Amino acid sequence: MAKLDFNRMEKSFHVMMVEPKGSIYSISVAQLLNVRDMQTFLAVYALQIGALDRAAAAAYFVRRLAGVLLAQQYFISIHNTIVDFSLSNLKVYLTDHALVVFQPQVWREETGPVEEDKRDLWLLRTQNFMFGEVARPLIQSLSALSQMCEEELWGQLPTMFLCRLKTLSRETNKLEYRRRLEHDFYFLRQKLPPSVFHLPCNPFDHQVKMVPHIEFPDLQVQLRSACCMYYRTESGVYCYKCPLLNDEDREIRRMLHRAQRNSV
């Protein structure tokens, strides 16, 4: 089994063992379930990222929360280990560089079984906890305050998971780890029931749509699974890979991009 990589935990997932430099605001993640605490957090965060409303701040925060969820998925697949990322054991920091960093207050880990059937039960329990007991209460709180539906907030995660886990798979040189990454993500998409997310469908089990690359039309890129709300920030626009952008507008973006490139 691979040795736990704390450097990767910090650089790839923004989960740190110590308070980050430049911290300007911090709070226990469990406290974010309180309406006033979440309101204050979103207000501070919105100022940092130039969000025009709570909806943009909520969407951005869910994508930062993805770091903790991805870190756990990484530990499960590469190390066959889970870390205590419970709400009561996590603290969140906002830094002067608009970073969101999570810190486990006490480091606790649990090694999973190696037998396939036992490991699958352990995996189901772990994923049910991370998405049902950690992510879901936060998303429900964010939804209530931002007036974004829960489905839109859950939609911030699938594209990030798919892209990041593909990257992790390419980076590892061990077939065993690549197989576990694939198996465990399949488990998340196909085995975790929709009730865990409080939705009619599992948000990770969605149809990927591809569109031509903005610069190289012979290449295909994946659309985001939901709008990231960048257009609701100062000077923000709809991203090229936004699912709200229609094909005609996307073609205009490609033409403008080519014209700007050729004029340089």
C-alpha atoms as a PDB file:
ATOM      1  CA  MET A   1       0.000   0.000   0.000  1.00  0.00           C
ATOM      2  CA  ALA A   2       1.255   3.472  -0.904  1.00  0.00           C
ATOM      3  CA  LYS A   3       2.494   5.818   1.805  1.00  0.00           C
ATOM      4  CA  LEU A   4       0.074   8.670   2.551  1.00  0.00           C
ATOM      5  CA  ASP A   5       1.090  11.684   0.479  1.00  0.00           C
ATOM      6  CA  PHE A   6       0.422  14.805   2.566  1.00  0.00           C
ATOM      7  CA  ASN A   7       2.080  17.007  -0.047  1.00  0.00           C
ATOM      8  CA  ARG A   8      -0.461  15.908  -2.652  1.00  0.00           C
ATOM      9  CA  MET A   9      -3.256  16.400  -0.124  1.00  0.00           C
ATOM     10  CA  GLU A  10      -2.262  20.050   0.183  1.00  0.00           C
ATOM     11  CA  LYS A  11      -1.415  20.866  -3.431  1.00  0.00           C
ATOM     12  CA  SER A  12      -4.097  18.880  -5.224  1.00  0.00           C
ATOM     13  CA  PHE A  13      -6.992  19.072  -2.785  1.00  0.00           C
ATOM     14  CA  HIS A  14      -6.281  22.108  -0.565  1.00  0.00           C
ATOM     15  CA  VAL A  15      -6.533  19.995   2.568  1.00  0.00           C
ATOM     16  CA  MET A  16      -3.802  20.937   5.048  1.00  0.00           C
ATOM     17  CA  MET A  17      -2.575  19.706   8.406  1.00  0.00           C
ATOM     18  CA  VAL A  18      -1.862  23.241   9.684  1.00  0.00           C
ATOM     19  CA  GLU A  19      -3.474  26.650   9.411  1.00  0.00           C
ATOM     20  CA  PRO A  20      -2.706  28.138   5.978  1.00  0.00           C
ATOM     21  CA  LYS A  21      -0.678  31.309   5.608  1.00  0.00           C
ATOM     22  CA  GLY A  22      -2.695  34.445   4.976  1.00  0.00           C
ATOM     23  CA  SER A  23      -5.825  33.171   6.679  1.00  0.00           C
ATOM     24  CA  ILE A  24      -8.406  35.960   7.095  1.00  0.00           C
ATOM     25  CA  TYR A  25     -11.419  33.955   8.257  1.00  0.00           C
ATOM     26  CA  SER A  26     -11.972  30.502   9.709  1.00  0.00           C
ATOM     27  CA  ILE A  27     -14.836  28.493  11.127  1.00  0.00           C
ATOM     28  CA  SER A  28     -15.704  24.915  12.013  1.00  0.00           C
ATOM     29  CA  VAL A  29     -17.436  23.345   9.015  1.00  0.00           C
ATOM     30  CA  ALA A  30     -20.160  22.020  11.331  1.00  0.00           C
ATOM     31  CA  GLN A  31     -21.030  25.622  12.230  1.00  0.00           C
ATOM     32  CA  LEU A  32     -21.857  26.340   8.591  1.00  0.00           C
ATOM     33  CA  LEU A  33     -25.084  24.438   9.123  1.00  0.00           C
ATOM     34  CA  ASN A  34     -26.209  27.395  11.252  1.00  0.00           C
ATOM     35  CA  VAL A  35     -27.962  29.973   9.068  1.00  0.00           C
ATOM     36  CA  ARG A  36     -26.190  33.024  10.496  1.00  0.00           C
ATOM     37  CA  ASP A  37     -22.757  31.422  10.304  1.00  0.00           C
ATOM     38  CA  MET A  38     -23.315  30.357   6.702  1.00  0.00           C
ATOM     39  CA  GLN A  39     -24.590  33.843   5.826  1.00  0.00           C
ATOM     40  CA  THR A  40     -21.446  35.408   7.271  1.00  0.00           C
ATOM     41  CA  PHE A  41     -19.183  32.907   5.525  1.00  0.00           C
ATOM     42  CA  LEU A  42     -20.847  33.466   2.137  1.00  0.00           C
ATOM     43  CA  ALA A  43     -20.676  37.242   2.587  1.00  0.00           C
ATOM     44  CA  VAL A  44     -16.932  37.152   3.241  1.00  0.00           C
ATOM     45  CA  TYR A  45     -16.304  34.661   0.451  1.00  0.00           C
ATOM     46  CA  ALA A  46     -18.449  36.612  -2.027  1.00  0.00           C
ATOM     47  CA  LEU A  47     -16.339  39.721  -1.420  1.00  0.00           C
ATOM     48  CA  GLN A  48     -13.162  37.736  -2.009  1.00  0.00           C
ATOM     49  CA  ILE A  49     -14.220  36.272  -5.354  1.00  0.00           C
ATOM     50  CA  GLY A  50     -16.221  39.276  -6.562  1.00  0.00           C
ATOM     51  CA  ALA A  51     -19.499  37.369  -6.542  1.00  0.00           C
ATOM     52  CA  LEU A  52     -22.564  39.427  -7.384  1.00  0.00           C
ATOM     53  CA  ASP A  53     -24.866  37.281  -5.266  1.00  0.00           C
ATOM     54  CA  ARG A  54     -24.970  34.301  -2.924  1.00  0.00           C
ATOM     55  CA  ALA A  55     -25.660  31.906  -5.786  1.00  0.00           C
ATOM     56  CA  ALA A  56     -22.203  32.454  -7.279  1.00  0.00           C
ATOM     57  CA  ALA A  57     -20.535  32.197  -3.864  1.00  0.00           C
ATOM     58  CA  ALA A  58     -22.456  28.986  -3.114  1.00  0.00           C
ATOM     59  CA  ALA A  59     -21.473  27.373  -6.424  1.00  0.00           C
ATOM     60  CA  TYR A  60     -17.823  28.339  -5.963  1.00  0.00           C
ATOM     61  CA  PHE A  61     -17.791  26.961  -2.432  1.00  0.00           C
ATOM     62  CA  VAL A  62     -19.195  23.598  -3.554  1.00  0.00           C
ATOM     63  CA  ARG A  63     -16.329  23.322  -6.028  1.00  0.00           C
ATOM     64  CA  ARG A  64     -13.896  23.984  -3.166  1.00  0.00           C
ATOM     65  CA  LEU A  65     -15.692  21.367  -1.076  1.00  0.00           C
ATOM     66  CA  ALA A  66     -14.932  18.984  -3.929  1.00  0.00           C
ATOM     67  CA  GLY A  67     -11.318  19.046  -2.727  1.00  0.00           C
ATOM     68  CA  VAL A  68     -12.230  17.245   0.497  1.00  0.00           C
ATOM     69  CA  LEU A  69     -14.442  14.752  -1.331  1.00  0.00           C
ATOM     70  CA  LEU A  70     -11.761  14.085  -3.939  1.00  0.00           C
ATOM     71  CA  ALA A  71      -9.095  13.731  -1.254  1.00  0.00           C
ATOM     72  CA  GLN A  72     -11.166  11.043   0.423  1.00  0.00           C
ATOM     73  CA  GLN A  73     -11.754   9.293  -2.912  1.00  0.00           C
ATOM     74  CA  TYR A  74      -7.992   9.440  -3.548  1.00  0.00           C
ATOM     75  CA  PHE A  75      -7.153   7.970  -0.139  1.00  0.00           C
ATOM     76  CA  ILE A  76      -9.728   5.216  -0.662  1.00  0.00           C
ATOM     77  CA  SER A  77      -8.459   4.201  -4.093  1.00  0.00           C
ATOM     78  CA  ILE A  78      -4.709   4.668  -3.706  1.00  0.00           C
ATOM     79  CA  HIS A  79      -4.245   3.929  -0.007  1.00  0.00           C
ATOM     80  CA  ASN A  80      -7.345   1.822   0.770  1.00  0.00           C
ATOM     81  CA  THR A  81      -7.756   4.191   3.716  1.00  0.00           C
ATOM     82  CA  ILE A  82     -10.357   6.692   4.867  1.00  0.00           C
ATOM     83  CA  VAL A  83      -9.649   9.856   6.844  1.00  0.00           C
ATOM     84  CA  ASP A  84     -11.975  11.478   9.366  1.00  0.00           C
ATOM     85  CA  PHE A  85     -13.422  14.286   7.275  1.00  0.00           C
ATOM     86  CA  SER A  86     -16.586  14.563   9.361  1.00  0.00           C
ATOM     87  CA  LEU A  87     -18.158  18.005   9.645  1.00  0.00           C
ATOM     88  CA  SER A  88     -17.242  18.286  13.318  1.00  0.00           C
ATOM     89  CA  ASN A  89     -13.593  17.436  12.602  1.00  0.00           C
ATOM     90  CA  LEU A  90     -13.105  19.890   9.718  1.00  0.00           C
ATOM     91  CA  LYS A  91     -12.226  23.553   9.861  1.00  0.00           C
ATOM     92  CA  VAL A  92     -12.394  25.797   6.807  1.00  0.00           C
ATOM     93  CA  TYR A  93     -10.179  28.811   6.143  1.00  0.00           C
ATOM     94  CA  LEU A  94     -10.464  31.678   3.689  1.00  0.00           C
ATOM     95  CA  THR A  95      -7.094  33.146   2.771  1.00  0.00           C
ATOM     96  CA  ASP A  96      -6.032  36.520   1.420  1.00  0.00           C
ATOM     97  CA  HIS A  97      -5.569  34.885  -1.996  1.00  0.00           C
ATOM     98  CA  ALA A  98      -9.231  33.808  -2.114  1.00  0.00           C
ATOM     99  CA  LEU A  99      -8.277  30.210  -1.426  1.00  0.00           C
ATOM    100  CA  VAL A 100     -10.541  27.885   0.530  1.00  0.00           C
ATOM    101  CA  VAL A 101      -8.542  25.448   2.643  1.00  0.00           C
ATOM    102  CA  PHE A 102      -9.839  22.623   4.827  1.00  0.00           C
ATOM    103  CA  GLN A 103      -8.033  21.271   7.869  1.00  0.00           C
ATOM    104  CA  PRO A 104      -8.872  18.138   9.890  1.00  0.00           C
ATOM    105  CA  GLN A 105      -8.601  19.084  13.556  1.00  0.00           C
ATOM    106  CA  VAL A 106      -7.577  15.564  14.626  1.00  0.00           C
ATOM    107  CA  TRP A 107      -5.926  13.132  12.224  1.00  0.00           C
ATOM    108  CA  ARG A 108      -7.739   9.801  12.297  1.00  0.00           C
ATOM    109  CA  GLU A 109      -7.610   7.153   9.591  1.00  0.00           C
ATOM    110  CA  GLU A 110      -9.048   3.711   9.023  1.00  0.00           C
ATOM    111  CA  THR A 111      -7.681   1.046   6.703  1.00  0.00           C
ATOM    112  CA  GLY A 112     -10.225  -0.767   4.594  1.00  0.00           C
ATOM    113  CA  PRO A 113     -10.480  -4.532   4.039  1.00  0.00           C
ATOM    114  CA  VAL A 114      -8.723  -6.126   1.085  1.00  0.00           C
ATOM    115  CA  GLU A 115     -11.308  -8.832   0.338  1.00  0.00           C
ATOM    116  CA  GLU A 116     -13.405  -7.622  -2.599  1.00  0.00           C
ATOM    117  CA  ASP A 117     -16.850  -8.227  -1.107  1.00  0.00           C
ATOM    118  CA  LYS A 118     -15.944  -6.724   2.267  1.00  0.00           C
ATOM    119  CA  ARG A 119     -14.215  -3.780   0.620  1.00  0.00           C
ATOM    120  CA  ASP A 120     -17.298  -2.991  -1.470  1.00  0.00           C
ATOM    121  CA  LEU A 121     -19.446  -2.841   1.673  1.00  0.00           C
ATOM    122  CA  TRP A 122     -16.824  -0.623   3.327  1.00  0.00           C
ATOM    123  CA  LEU A 123     -16.708   1.557   0.202  1.00  0.00           C
ATOM    124  CA  LEU A 124     -20.487   1.924   0.144  1.00  0.00           C
ATOM    125  CA  ARG A 125     -20.520   2.939   3.810  1.00  0.00           C
ATOM    126  CA  THR A 126     -17.709   5.453   3.292  1.00  0.00           C
ATOM    127  CA  GLN A 127     -19.161   7.066   0.188  1.00  0.00           C
ATOM    128  CA  ASN A 128     -22.604   7.172   1.793  1.00  0.00           C
ATOM    129  CA  PHE A 129     -21.082   9.073   4.732  1.00  0.00           C
ATOM    130  CA  MET A 130     -19.035  11.528   2.648  1.00  0.00           C
ATOM    131  CA  PHE A 131     -21.850  12.462   0.291  1.00  0.00           C
ATOM    132  CA  GLY A 132     -24.831  11.915   2.563  1.00  0.00           C
ATOM    133  CA  GLU A 133     -23.509  13.137   5.925  1.00  0.00           C
ATOM    134  CA  VAL A 134     -20.808  15.634   4.918  1.00  0.00           C
ATOM    135  CA  ALA A 135     -21.671  17.133   1.519  1.00  0.00           C
ATOM    136  CA  ARG A 136     -25.474  16.904   1.564  1.00  0.00           C
ATOM    137  CA  PRO A 137     -26.137  18.989   4.729  1.00  0.00           C
ATOM    138  CA  LEU A 138     -23.821  21.715   3.433  1.00  0.00           C
ATOM    139  CA  ILE A 139     -25.427  21.717  -0.001  1.00  0.00           C
ATOM    140  CA  GLN A 140     -28.893  21.890   1.539  1.00  0.00           C
ATOM    141  CA  SER A 141     -27.810  24.846   3.682  1.00  0.00           C
ATOM    142  CA  LEU A 142     -26.254  26.592   0.665  1.00  0.00           C
ATOM    143  CA  SER A 143     -29.361  25.938  -1.421  1.00  0.00           C
ATOM    144  CA  ALA A 144     -31.666  27.444   1.198  1.00  0.00           C
ATOM    145  CA  LEU A 145     -29.613  30.646   1.431  1.00  0.00           C
ATOM    146  CA  SER A 146     -28.672  31.098  -2.233  1.00  0.00           C
ATOM    147  CA  GLN A 147     -31.962  30.063  -3.854  1.00  0.00           C
ATOM    148  CA  MET A 148     -30.024  27.676  -6.075  1.00  0.00           C
ATOM    149  CA  CYS A 149     -31.657  24.277  -6.312  1.00  0.00           C
ATOM    150  CA  GLU A 150     -29.749  21.390  -4.767  1.00  0.00           C
ATOM    151  CA  GLU A 151     -29.404  19.697  -8.156  1.00  0.00           C
ATOM    152  CA  GLU A 152     -27.494  22.712  -9.546  1.00  0.00           C
ATOM    153  CA  LEU A 153     -25.119  22.662  -6.593  1.00  0.00           C
ATOM    154  CA  TRP A 154     -24.513  18.908  -6.828  1.00  0.00           C
ATOM    155  CA  GLY A 155     -23.917  19.513 -10.536  1.00  0.00           C
ATOM    156  CA  GLN A 156     -20.697  21.381  -9.709  1.00  0.00           C
ATOM    157  CA  LEU A 157     -19.029  18.086  -8.766  1.00  0.00           C
ATOM    158  CA  PRO A 158     -19.290  15.439 -11.546  1.00  0.00           C
ATOM    159  CA  THR A 159     -17.109  17.140 -14.156  1.00  0.00           C
ATOM    160  CA  MET A 160     -14.465  17.927 -11.547  1.00  0.00           C
ATOM    161  CA  PHE A 161     -14.436  14.332 -10.317  1.00  0.00           C
ATOM    162  CA  LEU A 162     -14.207  12.855 -13.802  1.00  0.00           C
ATOM    163  CA  CYS A 163     -11.359  15.140 -14.886  1.00  0.00           C
ATOM    164  CA  ARG A 164      -9.382  14.920 -11.640  1.00  0.00           C
ATOM    165  CA  LEU A 165      -9.656  11.155 -11.319  1.00  0.00           C
ATOM    166  CA  LYS A 166      -8.561  10.733 -14.945  1.00  0.00           C
ATOM    167  CA  THR A 167      -5.520  12.857 -14.138  1.00  0.00           C
ATOM    168  CA  LEU A 168      -4.731  10.801 -11.035  1.00  0.00           C
ATOM    169  CA  SER A 169      -5.045   7.623 -13.084  1.00  0.00           C
ATOM    170  CA  ARG A 170      -2.587   8.928 -15.695  1.00  0.00           C
ATOM    171  CA  GLU A 171      -0.127   9.975 -13.004  1.00  0.00           C
ATOM    172  CA  THR A 172       0.087   6.615 -11.256  1.00  0.00           C
ATOM    173  CA  ASN A 173       2.355   3.936 -12.684  1.00  0.00           C
ATOM    174  CA  LYS A 174       0.632   1.066 -10.895  1.00  0.00           C
ATOM    175  CA  LEU A 175      -2.114  -0.844 -12.687  1.00  0.00           C
ATOM    176  CA  GLU A 176      -3.604  -1.819  -9.307  1.00  0.00           C
ATOM    177  CA  TYR A 177      -4.216   1.824  -8.415  1.00  0.00           C
ATOM    178  CA  ARG A 178      -5.666   2.691 -11.813  1.00  0.00           C
ATOM    179  CA  ARG A 179      -8.087  -0.215 -11.543  1.00  0.00           C
ATOM    180  CA  ARG A 180      -9.163   0.832  -8.062  1.00  0.00           C
ATOM    181  CA  LEU A 181      -9.675   4.439  -9.163  1.00  0.00           C
ATOM    182  CA  GLU A 182     -11.895   3.220 -12.000  1.00  0.00           C
ATOM    183  CA  HIS A 183     -13.767   0.727  -9.820  1.00  0.00           C
ATOM    184  CA  ASP A 184     -14.382   3.188  -6.991  1.00  0.00           C
ATOM    185  CA  PHE A 185     -15.614   5.939  -9.315  1.00  0.00           C
ATOM    186  CA  TYR A 186     -17.905   3.420 -11.021  1.00  0.00           C
ATOM    187  CA  PHE A 187     -19.194   2.542  -7.559  1.00  0.00           C
ATOM    188  CA  LEU A 188     -19.902   6.205  -6.851  1.00  0.00           C
ATOM    189  CA  ARG A 189     -21.773   6.632 -10.154  1.00  0.00           C
ATOM    190  CA  GLN A 190     -23.701   3.379 -10.269  1.00  0.00           C
ATOM    191  CA  LYS A 191     -24.022   1.960  -6.760  1.00  0.00           C
ATOM    192  CA  LEU A 192     -24.661   4.962  -4.539  1.00  0.00           C
ATOM    193  CA  PRO A 193     -28.460   5.441  -4.417  1.00  0.00           C
ATOM    194  CA  PRO A 194     -30.018   8.811  -5.335  1.00  0.00           C
ATOM    195  CA  SER A 195     -31.469   9.086  -1.830  1.00  0.00           C
ATOM    196  CA  VAL A 196     -27.946   9.764  -0.524  1.00  0.00           C
ATOM    197  CA  PHE A 197     -27.977  13.036  -2.494  1.00  0.00           C
ATOM    198  CA  HIS A 198     -31.637  13.794  -1.754  1.00  0.00           C
ATOM    199  CA  LEU A 199     -32.230  13.812  -5.511  1.00  0.00           C
ATOM    200  CA  PRO A 200     -34.281  11.681  -7.922  1.00  0.00           C
ATOM    201  CA  CYS A 201     -31.065  10.632  -9.731  1.00  0.00           C
ATOM    202  CA  ASN A 202     -27.428  10.156  -8.769  1.00  0.00           C
ATOM    203  CA  PRO A 203     -25.771  13.394 -10.046  1.00  0.00           C
ATOM    204  CA  PHE A 204     -22.571  11.536 -10.956  1.00  0.00           C
ATOM    205  CA  ASP A 205     -24.447   9.255 -13.327  1.00  0.00           C
ATOM    206  CA  HIS A 206     -24.935  11.793 -16.110  1.00  0.00           C
ATOM    207  CA  GLN A 207     -24.447  11.809 -19.860  1.00  0.00           C
ATOM    208  CA  VAL A 208     -21.201  13.487 -20.842  1.00  0.00           C
ATOM    209  CA  LYS A 209     -21.565  15.923 -23.745  1.00  0.00           C
ATOM    210  CA  MET A 210     -18.577  16.796 -25.906  1.00  0.00           C
ATOM    211  CA  VAL A 211     -18.079  19.915 -28.036  1.00  0.00           C
ATOM    212  CA  PRO A 212     -15.263  21.097 -30.339  1.00  0.00           C
ATOM    213  CA  HIS A 213     -12.248  22.614 -28.625  1.00  0.00           C
ATOM    214  CA  ILE A 214     -12.300  26.433 -28.765  1.00  0.00           C
ATOM    215  CA  GLU A 215      -8.890  26.555 -30.490  1.00  0.00           C
ATOM    216  CA  PHE A 216      -8.493  23.117 -32.093  1.00  0.00           C
ATOM    217  CA  PRO A 217     -11.873  22.143 -33.662  1.00  0.00           C
ATOM    218  CA  ASP A 218     -10.655  18.618 -34.448  1.00  0.00           C
ATOM    219  CA  LEU A 219     -10.396  17.979 -30.695  1.00  0.00           C
ATOM    220  CA  GLN A 220     -13.332  17.502 -28.342  1.00  0.00           C
ATOM    221  CA  VAL A 221     -13.746  18.875 -24.820  1.00  0.00           C
ATOM    222  CA  GLN A 222     -16.289  17.982 -22.183  1.00  0.00           C
ATOM    223  CA  LEU A 223     -19.018  20.403 -21.188  1.00  0.00           C
ATOM    224  CA  ARG A 224     -19.370  21.172 -17.501  1.00  0.00           C
ATOM    225  CA  SER A 225     -22.092  19.217 -15.754  1.00  0.00           C
ATOM    226  CA  ALA A 226     -23.619  22.499 -14.482  1.00  0.00           C
ATOM    227  CA  CYS A 227     -23.060  26.230 -14.843  1.00  0.00           C
ATOM    228  CA  CYS A 228     -20.221  27.336 -12.547  1.00  0.00           C
ATOM    229  CA  MET A 229     -21.860  30.770 -12.090  1.00  0.00           C
ATOM    230  CA  TYR A 230     -18.743  32.628 -13.219  1.00  0.00           C
ATOM    231  CA  TYR A 231     -21.016  34.960 -15.173  1.00  0.00           C
ATOM    232  CA  ARG A 232     -22.433  36.068 -11.794  1.00  0.00           C
ATOM    233  CA  THR A 233     -19.073  37.524 -10.729  1.00  0.00           C
ATOM    234  CA  GLU A 234     -17.580  40.924 -11.506  1.00  0.00           C
ATOM    235  CA  SER A 235     -16.486  41.015 -15.162  1.00  0.00           C
ATOM    236  CA  GLY A 236     -17.613  37.386 -15.499  1.00  0.00           C
ATOM    237  CA  VAL A 237     -19.041  35.811 -18.664  1.00  0.00           C
ATOM    238  CA  TYR A 238     -20.495  32.475 -19.640  1.00  0.00           C
ATOM    239  CA  CYS A 239     -17.625  29.992 -19.919  1.00  0.00           C
ATOM    240  CA  TYR A 240     -17.051  28.331 -23.292  1.00  0.00           C
ATOM    241  CA  LYS A 241     -17.812  24.950 -21.716  1.00  0.00           C
ATOM    242  CA  CYS A 242     -20.937  26.155 -19.898  1.00  0.00           C
ATOM    243  CA  PRO A 243     -23.974  23.899 -20.548  1.00  0.00           C
ATOM    244  CA  LEU A 244     -26.184  27.029 -20.682  1.00  0.00           C
ATOM    245  CA  LEU A 245     -24.366  28.297 -23.766  1.00  0.00           C
ATOM    246  CA  ASN A 246     -26.056  27.164 -26.998  1.00  0.00           C
ATOM    247  CA  ASP A 247     -24.188  25.735 -29.987  1.00  0.00           C
ATOM    248  CA  GLU A 248     -24.583  28.928 -32.042  1.00  0.00           C
ATOM    249  CA  ASP A 249     -23.060  31.119 -29.341  1.00  0.00           C
ATOM    250  CA  ARG A 250     -20.280  28.589 -28.841  1.00  0.00           C
ATOM    251  CA  GLU A 251     -19.467  28.710 -32.559  1.00  0.00           C
ATOM    252  CA  ILE A 252     -19.286  32.516 -32.364  1.00  0.00           C
ATOM    253  CA  ARG A 253     -16.862  32.154 -29.447  1.00  0.00           C
ATOM    254  CA  ARG A 254     -14.653  29.870 -31.556  1.00  0.00           C
ATOM    255  CA  MET A 255     -14.688  32.311 -34.488  1.00  0.00           C
ATOM    256  CA  LEU A 256     -13.795  35.260 -32.235  1.00  0.00           C
ATOM    257  CA  HIS A 257     -11.044  33.262 -30.575  1.00  0.00           C
ATOM    258  CA  ARG A 258      -9.514  32.318 -33.932  1.00  0.00           C
ATOM    259  CA  ALA A 259      -9.742  35.923 -35.142  1.00  0.00           C
ATOM    260  CA  GLN A 260      -8.022  37.224 -32.009  1.00  0.00           C
ATOM    261  CA  ARG A 261      -5.319  34.566 -32.271  1.00  0.00           C
ATOM    262  CA  ASN A 262      -4.668  35.346 -35.946  1.00  0.00           C
ATOM    263  CA  SER A 263      -4.449  39.090 -35.247  1.00  0.00           C
ATOM    264  CA  VAL A 264      -1.583  38.643 -32.776  1.00  0.00           C
END
